[in-house]
Amino acid sequence: EASSTLCRADGTWSHDMENATCEEIPPPGFGSTCPVDMTVSTDHGKPTAHVTWAEPLAKDGHGTTLRMDVTPADTVPTQEFTPGLHVIRYRATDYLGRAAECTFTVTVEDNEPPIAQYCPQSTTIYDVEGTLTYSRPSWEDNVAVMSETCDPEPYTTHAFGVTSVTCDAYDAAGNKGTCAFDINIQGNPCNPLQTPELGSVSCDEFLSGTTCSFFCQNGYSFATPPNNIYICQGNGNWAPPPPASLRCSARHYSTEFRKYGNLAFYHFNGDCDSAETQNEIKEQFLTNLMSFLGIDVCPAGLCTIDDVNVICDQDRRKRQLTQEGERIERGTFDNKFNIQFTIIA
């Protein structure tokens, strides 16, 4: 502590200088109150981090609290910081002009990836050229989306079938958001085949397209038998072209015609929901399929009717018939069914 003494007129000092000593005054300091460096993440969904700390305390050598200046100016212990490195400095000065500093850093990290606000759903599209079309995803990020890519890009050409698409978005911190979906590219769909009266059409997905066959209910036949198999091509046309109209008529056999085995390809007996009728349809479908392919895709009898599934959707109409004086009620069916099958080679 500073003090003064006077030299009096009689040549003596106003204070006893015999025992006077000098004492060192410690410089000002912050002690252990200076905050340590900290690393925090941005608040969820926000571009900043809400950071708080205990404000340091500066004292001079006599323990007196000193006033402090802070840089950047107007920094307060509860502060919103953007991603990046922030340096905070406190400075205090004692009455002798000596200064003390407290410096620490706040590092804010952005760990949130971009989020797809819109991501296309997996779907089937029809394009005769095989052009991949979809709408790009839309993204949002707590800070900002810097770039986005899709692989493969829309409006590129691909083979018919399923194409997997992956779209990625990146923010400034390098976080990646992903949107993935499948596009099944097919040729133009064909118009549905007309169901023959007193008959049905069975269809399934096979050979990269829709495959269909015509059938008549038992007791009826086609005057002009259709092809065994019709395939929907990528250009939206059936191959071969189906007949404009097809009708199942009551059958009348000659001996020679009964021996024509292909006649059985176009008929089924009884109720489509019964196991016996379904087995008959399965057998006919496998026969048609093998005949159409012209090759043996099922060696050693590995293809059985157990690999075929028939799904019926019936509209039943009852008719009253009179024959030889007796009334006979007979069920007449307009059968529609899909055939599902698996070939195990």
Protein backbone atom coordinates (compact mmCIF):
# COMPACT_ATOMS: atom_id res chain seq x y z
CA GLU A 1 0.00 0.00 0.00
CA ALA A 2 1.45 3.41 -0.91
CA SER A 3 2.17 5.97 1.85
CA SER A 4 4.07 9.28 2.12
CA THR A 5 6.38 10.97 4.66
CA LEU A 6 7.45 14.59 5.01
CA CYS A 7 10.85 16.09 5.67
CA ARG A 8 10.27 18.60 8.46
CA ALA A 9 12.05 21.94 8.99
CA ASP A 10 14.16 20.48 11.75
CA GLY A 11 15.52 17.92 9.39
CA THR A 12 13.56 14.96 10.66
CA TRP A 13 10.96 12.72 8.89
CA SER A 14 7.36 12.82 9.87
CA HIS A 15 7.34 9.01 10.08
CA ASP A 16 9.74 6.62 11.64
CA MET A 17 11.89 5.59 8.73
CA GLU A 18 14.14 3.40 10.82
CA ASN A 19 11.74 0.42 10.59
CA ALA A 20 10.15 1.22 7.19
CA THR A 21 9.94 -1.76 4.75
CA CYS A 22 8.61 -2.26 1.21
CA GLU A 23 5.97 -4.91 0.41
CA GLU A 24 5.29 -6.44 -3.04
CA ILE A 25 1.69 -6.11 -4.17
CA PRO A 26 0.52 -9.16 -6.21
CA PRO A 27 -0.89 -8.50 -9.68
CA PRO A 28 -4.62 -8.89 -10.40
CA GLY A 29 -5.92 -12.29 -11.46
CA PHE A 30 -8.97 -14.50 -12.08
CA GLY A 31 -7.90 -17.41 -9.92
CA SER A 32 -9.83 -20.59 -10.77
CA THR A 33 -12.93 -18.76 -12.03
CA CYS A 34 -11.93 -18.62 -15.70
CA PRO A 35 -14.20 -21.01 -17.70
CA VAL A 36 -12.61 -23.95 -19.53
CA ASP A 37 -12.90 -24.46 -23.29
CA MET A 38 -16.18 -26.10 -24.27
CA THR A 39 -17.62 -27.92 -27.30
CA VAL A 40 -21.39 -28.10 -27.79
CA SER A 41 -23.85 -29.10 -30.53
CA THR A 42 -26.50 -26.93 -32.10
CA ASP A 43 -29.89 -27.20 -30.43
CA HIS A 44 -32.15 -29.72 -32.14
CA GLY A 45 -33.75 -28.24 -35.22
CA LYS A 46 -32.04 -24.86 -34.71
CA PRO A 47 -29.07 -23.20 -36.44
CA THR A 48 -27.50 -22.10 -33.11
CA ALA A 49 -26.50 -23.45 -29.71
CA HIS A 50 -27.73 -21.92 -26.46
CA VAL A 51 -24.54 -21.69 -24.33
CA THR A 52 -24.19 -20.56 -20.73
CA TRP A 53 -21.22 -20.32 -18.37
CA ALA A 54 -20.30 -18.82 -14.99
CA GLU A 55 -18.84 -15.35 -15.44
CA PRO A 56 -15.25 -15.17 -14.12
CA LEU A 57 -14.24 -12.96 -11.16
CA ALA A 58 -11.12 -10.73 -11.19
CA LYS A 59 -9.43 -9.37 -8.00
CA ASP A 60 -6.39 -7.20 -7.31
CA GLY A 61 -3.58 -8.01 -4.93
CA HIS A 62 -5.58 -6.78 -1.95
CA GLY A 63 -8.62 -8.97 -2.82
CA THR A 64 -10.65 -6.17 -4.21
CA THR A 65 -13.01 -7.17 -7.08
CA LEU A 66 -12.11 -5.41 -10.28
CA ARG A 67 -14.26 -4.25 -13.18
CA MET A 68 -13.85 -6.30 -16.36
CA ASP A 69 -14.09 -5.69 -20.09
CA VAL A 70 -15.22 -8.52 -22.41
CA THR A 71 -14.51 -9.22 -26.07
CA PRO A 72 -16.53 -9.55 -28.25
CA ALA A 73 -18.44 -6.64 -26.81
CA ASP A 74 -21.87 -7.31 -25.34
CA THR A 75 -21.04 -10.98 -24.72
CA VAL A 76 -23.07 -12.27 -21.79
CA PRO A 77 -22.91 -15.67 -20.05
CA THR A 78 -26.07 -16.89 -21.80
CA GLN A 79 -25.49 -16.55 -25.52
CA GLU A 80 -26.65 -18.00 -28.86
CA PHE A 81 -23.67 -19.14 -30.94
CA THR A 82 -23.62 -20.24 -34.58
CA PRO A 83 -21.57 -23.26 -35.66
CA GLY A 84 -17.82 -22.66 -35.53
CA LEU A 85 -15.11 -21.50 -33.10
CA HIS A 86 -15.79 -18.53 -30.82
CA VAL A 87 -13.08 -16.92 -28.62
CA ILE A 88 -14.20 -15.03 -25.50
CA ARG A 89 -11.76 -12.79 -23.60
CA TYR A 90 -12.20 -11.05 -20.22
CA ARG A 91 -9.70 -8.30 -19.12
CA ALA A 92 -9.30 -6.58 -15.74
CA THR A 93 -6.87 -3.78 -14.68
CA ASP A 94 -5.78 -2.84 -11.11
CA TYR A 95 -4.99 0.69 -9.81
CA LEU A 96 -1.37 0.30 -10.78
CA GLY A 97 -2.38 -0.31 -14.42
CA ARG A 98 -1.54 -3.96 -14.34
CA ALA A 99 -3.88 -6.20 -16.37
CA ALA A 100 -5.09 -9.79 -16.14
CA GLU A 101 -6.84 -11.78 -18.88
CA CYS A 102 -9.17 -14.80 -18.97
CA THR A 103 -9.64 -16.42 -22.38
CA PHE A 104 -11.65 -19.50 -23.33
CA THR A 105 -13.27 -20.91 -26.49
CA VAL A 106 -16.74 -22.13 -27.39
CA THR A 107 -16.86 -24.57 -30.32
CA VAL A 108 -20.33 -25.19 -31.80
CA GLU A 109 -20.80 -28.30 -33.97
CA ASP A 110 -23.67 -29.03 -36.33
CA ASN A 111 -24.36 -32.76 -36.13
CA GLU A 112 -27.85 -32.81 -37.66
CA PRO A 113 -28.14 -34.22 -41.20
CA PRO A 114 -30.56 -32.78 -43.75
CA ILE A 115 -34.05 -34.30 -43.60
CA ALA A 116 -36.12 -35.15 -46.67
CA GLN A 117 -39.41 -33.29 -46.38
CA TYR A 118 -40.53 -35.12 -49.51
CA CYS A 119 -39.10 -38.48 -50.58
CA PRO A 120 -40.76 -40.29 -53.52
CA GLN A 121 -42.50 -43.56 -52.75
CA SER A 122 -41.50 -46.73 -54.55
CA THR A 123 -43.79 -47.12 -57.54
CA THR A 124 -44.28 -48.58 -61.01
CA ILE A 125 -44.10 -46.36 -64.07
CA TYR A 126 -44.86 -47.16 -67.69
CA ASP A 127 -42.67 -45.88 -70.50
CA VAL A 128 -42.06 -47.62 -73.81
CA GLU A 129 -38.52 -46.15 -73.96
CA GLY A 130 -37.63 -47.19 -70.42
CA THR A 131 -37.15 -43.58 -69.28
CA LEU A 132 -36.75 -43.17 -65.52
CA THR A 133 -38.96 -40.36 -64.22
CA TYR A 134 -39.46 -39.12 -60.66
CA SER A 135 -39.65 -35.87 -58.71
CA ARG A 136 -36.53 -34.93 -56.79
CA PRO A 137 -36.76 -34.97 -52.97
CA SER A 138 -37.13 -31.69 -51.11
CA TRP A 139 -34.84 -31.13 -48.13
CA GLU A 140 -34.57 -29.01 -45.02
CA ASP A 141 -31.68 -28.58 -42.59
CA ASN A 142 -31.28 -26.80 -39.27
CA VAL A 143 -28.55 -24.66 -40.87
CA ALA A 144 -28.60 -24.98 -44.67
CA VAL A 145 -28.47 -27.61 -47.43
CA MET A 146 -25.36 -27.03 -49.52
CA SER A 147 -25.65 -29.72 -52.21
CA GLU A 148 -27.75 -32.68 -53.32
CA THR A 149 -27.33 -35.55 -55.76
CA CYS A 150 -29.43 -38.44 -57.10
CA ASP A 151 -28.15 -41.69 -58.57
CA PRO A 152 -29.34 -42.48 -61.13
CA GLU A 153 -30.60 -39.10 -62.26
CA PRO A 154 -34.16 -38.71 -63.59
CA TYR A 155 -34.78 -38.81 -67.33
CA THR A 156 -32.12 -41.46 -67.91
CA THR A 157 -32.87 -44.65 -69.82
CA HIS A 158 -32.88 -48.07 -68.16
CA ALA A 159 -33.89 -51.66 -68.83
CA PHE A 160 -37.40 -52.71 -67.84
CA GLY A 161 -37.52 -53.83 -64.23
CA VAL A 162 -36.73 -52.36 -60.83
CA THR A 163 -34.22 -49.48 -60.64
CA SER A 164 -33.06 -48.42 -57.16
CA VAL A 165 -32.59 -44.66 -56.70
CA THR A 166 -30.57 -43.03 -53.90
CA CYS A 167 -30.63 -39.27 -53.31
CA ASP A 168 -28.24 -37.61 -50.84
CA ALA A 169 -28.14 -34.07 -49.43
CA TYR A 170 -25.22 -32.44 -47.59
CA ASP A 171 -25.00 -29.44 -45.27
CA ALA A 172 -21.99 -27.19 -44.62
CA ALA A 173 -20.75 -29.49 -41.84
CA GLY A 174 -20.72 -32.49 -44.19
CA ASN A 175 -23.72 -34.20 -42.60
CA LYS A 176 -25.55 -36.39 -45.12
CA GLY A 177 -29.26 -37.09 -45.42
CA THR A 178 -30.48 -39.95 -47.63
CA CYS A 179 -33.71 -40.69 -49.49
CA ALA A 180 -33.95 -44.10 -51.23
CA PHE A 181 -36.75 -45.63 -53.29
CA ASP A 182 -37.37 -48.10 -56.12
CA ILE A 183 -38.90 -47.41 -59.53
CA ASN A 184 -40.28 -50.40 -61.44
CA ILE A 185 -40.06 -49.41 -65.12
CA GLN A 186 -42.46 -51.25 -67.41
CA GLY A 187 -43.65 -50.78 -70.97
CA ASN A 188 -47.05 -49.29 -71.63
CA PRO A 189 -49.73 -51.53 -70.07
CA CYS A 190 -52.04 -53.35 -72.45
CA ASN A 191 -55.79 -52.90 -72.45
CA PRO A 192 -57.52 -55.67 -70.46
CA LEU A 193 -58.53 -58.68 -72.51
CA GLN A 194 -62.26 -59.04 -73.03
CA THR A 195 -63.66 -61.93 -70.99
CA PRO A 196 -65.54 -64.38 -73.22
CA GLU A 197 -69.16 -65.07 -72.38
CA LEU A 198 -69.44 -68.29 -70.35
CA GLY A 199 -65.68 -68.25 -69.94
CA SER A 200 -62.83 -66.49 -68.21
CA VAL A 201 -59.39 -64.96 -68.62
CA SER A 202 -56.48 -65.98 -66.39
CA CYS A 203 -53.46 -63.69 -66.14
CA ASP A 204 -50.19 -63.56 -64.26
CA GLU A 205 -46.89 -61.65 -64.30
CA PHE A 206 -44.35 -63.80 -66.13
CA LEU A 207 -41.50 -63.36 -68.61
CA SER A 208 -41.18 -59.64 -67.64
CA GLY A 209 -44.79 -58.94 -68.55
CA THR A 210 -48.41 -59.95 -68.18
CA THR A 211 -49.29 -63.40 -69.54
CA CYS A 212 -52.94 -64.37 -70.10
CA SER A 213 -54.98 -67.35 -71.31
CA PHE A 214 -58.64 -67.78 -72.25
CA PHE A 215 -60.84 -70.56 -70.81
CA CYS A 216 -64.39 -71.81 -71.32
CA GLN A 217 -66.63 -73.33 -68.69
CA ASN A 218 -67.10 -77.08 -68.94
CA GLY A 219 -69.60 -77.99 -71.62
CA TYR A 220 -68.63 -75.02 -73.78
CA SER A 221 -65.81 -74.45 -76.24
CA PHE A 222 -64.44 -71.84 -78.62
CA ALA A 223 -65.64 -72.13 -82.19
CA THR A 224 -62.22 -70.84 -83.22
CA PRO A 225 -59.70 -71.76 -80.51
CA PRO A 226 -57.55 -68.80 -79.42
CA ASN A 227 -53.82 -68.95 -78.83
CA ASN A 228 -52.70 -70.72 -75.69
CA ILE A 229 -50.85 -67.65 -74.35
CA TYR A 230 -51.08 -63.88 -74.92
CA ILE A 231 -48.28 -61.60 -73.69
CA CYS A 232 -48.51 -57.87 -73.02
CA GLN A 233 -45.49 -56.29 -74.74
CA GLY A 234 -43.60 -53.21 -73.64
CA ASN A 235 -45.24 -51.13 -76.38
CA GLY A 236 -48.69 -51.70 -74.89
CA ASN A 237 -49.79 -54.26 -77.49
CA TRP A 238 -50.77 -57.89 -76.97
CA ALA A 239 -48.77 -60.53 -78.81
CA PRO A 240 -50.29 -62.14 -80.68
CA PRO A 241 -53.22 -59.73 -81.16
CA PRO A 242 -56.25 -61.11 -79.30
CA PRO A 243 -59.52 -61.77 -81.16
CA ALA A 244 -61.93 -58.86 -81.29
CA SER A 245 -64.66 -61.01 -79.75
CA LEU A 246 -64.56 -64.48 -78.30
CA ARG A 247 -67.55 -66.60 -77.29
CA CYS A 248 -67.88 -69.94 -75.59
CA SER A 249 -70.51 -72.08 -77.32
CA ALA A 250 -72.08 -75.41 -76.41
CA ARG A 251 -69.79 -78.25 -77.48
CA HIS A 252 -70.70 -80.99 -79.95
CA TYR A 253 -68.03 -83.57 -80.68
CA SER A 254 -67.36 -85.84 -83.59
CA THR A 255 -65.19 -88.89 -82.96
CA GLU A 256 -62.28 -87.23 -84.73
CA PHE A 257 -62.66 -83.95 -82.82
CA ARG A 258 -62.72 -85.71 -79.45
CA LYS A 259 -59.22 -86.94 -80.22
CA TYR A 260 -57.90 -83.38 -80.65
CA GLY A 261 -56.05 -82.95 -77.38
CA ASN A 262 -55.80 -79.17 -77.53
CA LEU A 263 -59.54 -78.92 -76.88
CA ALA A 264 -58.96 -79.59 -73.18
CA PHE A 265 -56.68 -76.54 -72.97
CA TYR A 266 -59.62 -74.17 -73.01
CA HIS A 267 -62.06 -75.59 -70.47
CA PHE A 268 -62.52 -76.12 -66.77
CA ASN A 269 -65.07 -78.20 -64.91
CA GLY A 270 -67.34 -77.21 -62.04
CA ASP A 271 -66.96 -74.60 -59.34
CA CYS A 272 -63.72 -72.61 -59.56
CA ASP A 273 -63.52 -72.56 -55.75
CA SER A 274 -63.37 -76.34 -55.46
CA ALA A 275 -60.02 -78.12 -55.12
CA GLU A 276 -60.83 -80.44 -58.03
CA THR A 277 -61.58 -77.56 -60.43
CA GLN A 278 -58.55 -75.59 -59.31
CA ASN A 279 -56.31 -78.61 -59.94
CA GLU A 280 -57.74 -78.88 -63.45
CA ILE A 281 -57.01 -75.18 -64.14
CA LYS A 282 -53.48 -75.57 -62.76
CA GLU A 283 -52.81 -78.55 -65.01
CA GLN A 284 -54.14 -76.68 -68.05
CA PHE A 285 -52.07 -73.59 -67.29
CA LEU A 286 -48.82 -75.56 -66.95
CA THR A 287 -49.58 -77.38 -70.21
CA ASN A 288 -50.27 -74.09 -71.99
CA LEU A 289 -47.12 -72.56 -70.60
CA MET A 290 -44.86 -75.41 -71.67
CA SER A 291 -46.47 -75.48 -75.13
CA PHE A 292 -45.95 -71.74 -75.54
CA LEU A 293 -42.32 -71.75 -74.46
CA GLY A 294 -41.44 -74.69 -76.68
CA ILE A 295 -38.67 -75.68 -74.24
CA ASP A 296 -38.46 -77.92 -71.21
CA VAL A 297 -38.03 -75.53 -68.28
CA CYS A 298 -39.16 -78.21 -65.85
CA PRO A 299 -36.89 -81.25 -66.33
CA ALA A 300 -37.59 -84.48 -64.47
CA GLY A 301 -41.10 -83.31 -63.56
CA LEU A 302 -39.93 -80.66 -61.10
CA CYS A 303 -42.84 -78.38 -62.03
CA THR A 304 -46.03 -79.55 -60.38
CA ILE A 305 -49.43 -78.07 -59.78
CA ASP A 306 -48.27 -77.45 -56.21
CA ASP A 307 -46.28 -74.51 -57.64
CA VAL A 308 -49.40 -72.91 -59.15
CA ASN A 309 -51.95 -70.82 -57.26
CA VAL A 310 -55.42 -70.11 -58.66
CA ILE A 311 -57.35 -67.13 -57.26
CA CYS A 312 -61.02 -67.08 -58.23
CA ASP A 313 -63.46 -64.21 -58.28
CA GLN A 314 -66.87 -65.56 -59.26
CA ASP A 315 -70.10 -64.00 -60.40
CA ARG A 316 -72.65 -66.77 -60.20
CA ARG A 317 -75.89 -66.77 -62.14
CA LYS A 318 -78.52 -69.49 -61.66
CA ARG A 319 -80.45 -70.70 -64.60
CA GLN A 320 -83.52 -72.89 -64.63
CA LEU A 321 -83.46 -75.48 -67.41
CA THR A 322 -86.27 -77.86 -68.38
CA GLN A 323 -85.25 -81.17 -69.83
CA GLU A 324 -87.51 -84.16 -70.43
CA GLY A 325 -90.17 -82.72 -68.15
CA GLU A 326 -87.84 -82.24 -65.18
CA ARG A 327 -86.59 -78.90 -63.84
CA ILE A 328 -82.86 -78.99 -63.38
CA GLU A 329 -81.11 -76.10 -61.61
CA ARG A 330 -77.61 -75.57 -62.89
CA GLY A 331 -74.99 -73.03 -61.80
CA THR A 332 -73.46 -71.04 -64.64
CA PHE A 333 -70.28 -69.20 -63.76
CA ASP A 334 -68.52 -66.18 -65.15
CA ASN A 335 -65.14 -67.06 -63.65
CA LYS A 336 -62.25 -64.67 -63.29
CA PHE A 337 -59.02 -65.91 -61.73
CA ASN A 338 -55.34 -65.07 -61.51
CA ILE A 339 -52.71 -67.78 -61.67
CA GLN A 340 -49.54 -67.47 -59.61
CA PHE A 341 -46.76 -70.02 -60.01
CA THR A 342 -43.14 -70.74 -59.18
CA ILE A 343 -40.81 -72.75 -61.40
CA ILE A 344 -38.10 -74.62 -59.47
CA ALA A 345 -35.29 -75.83 -61.68
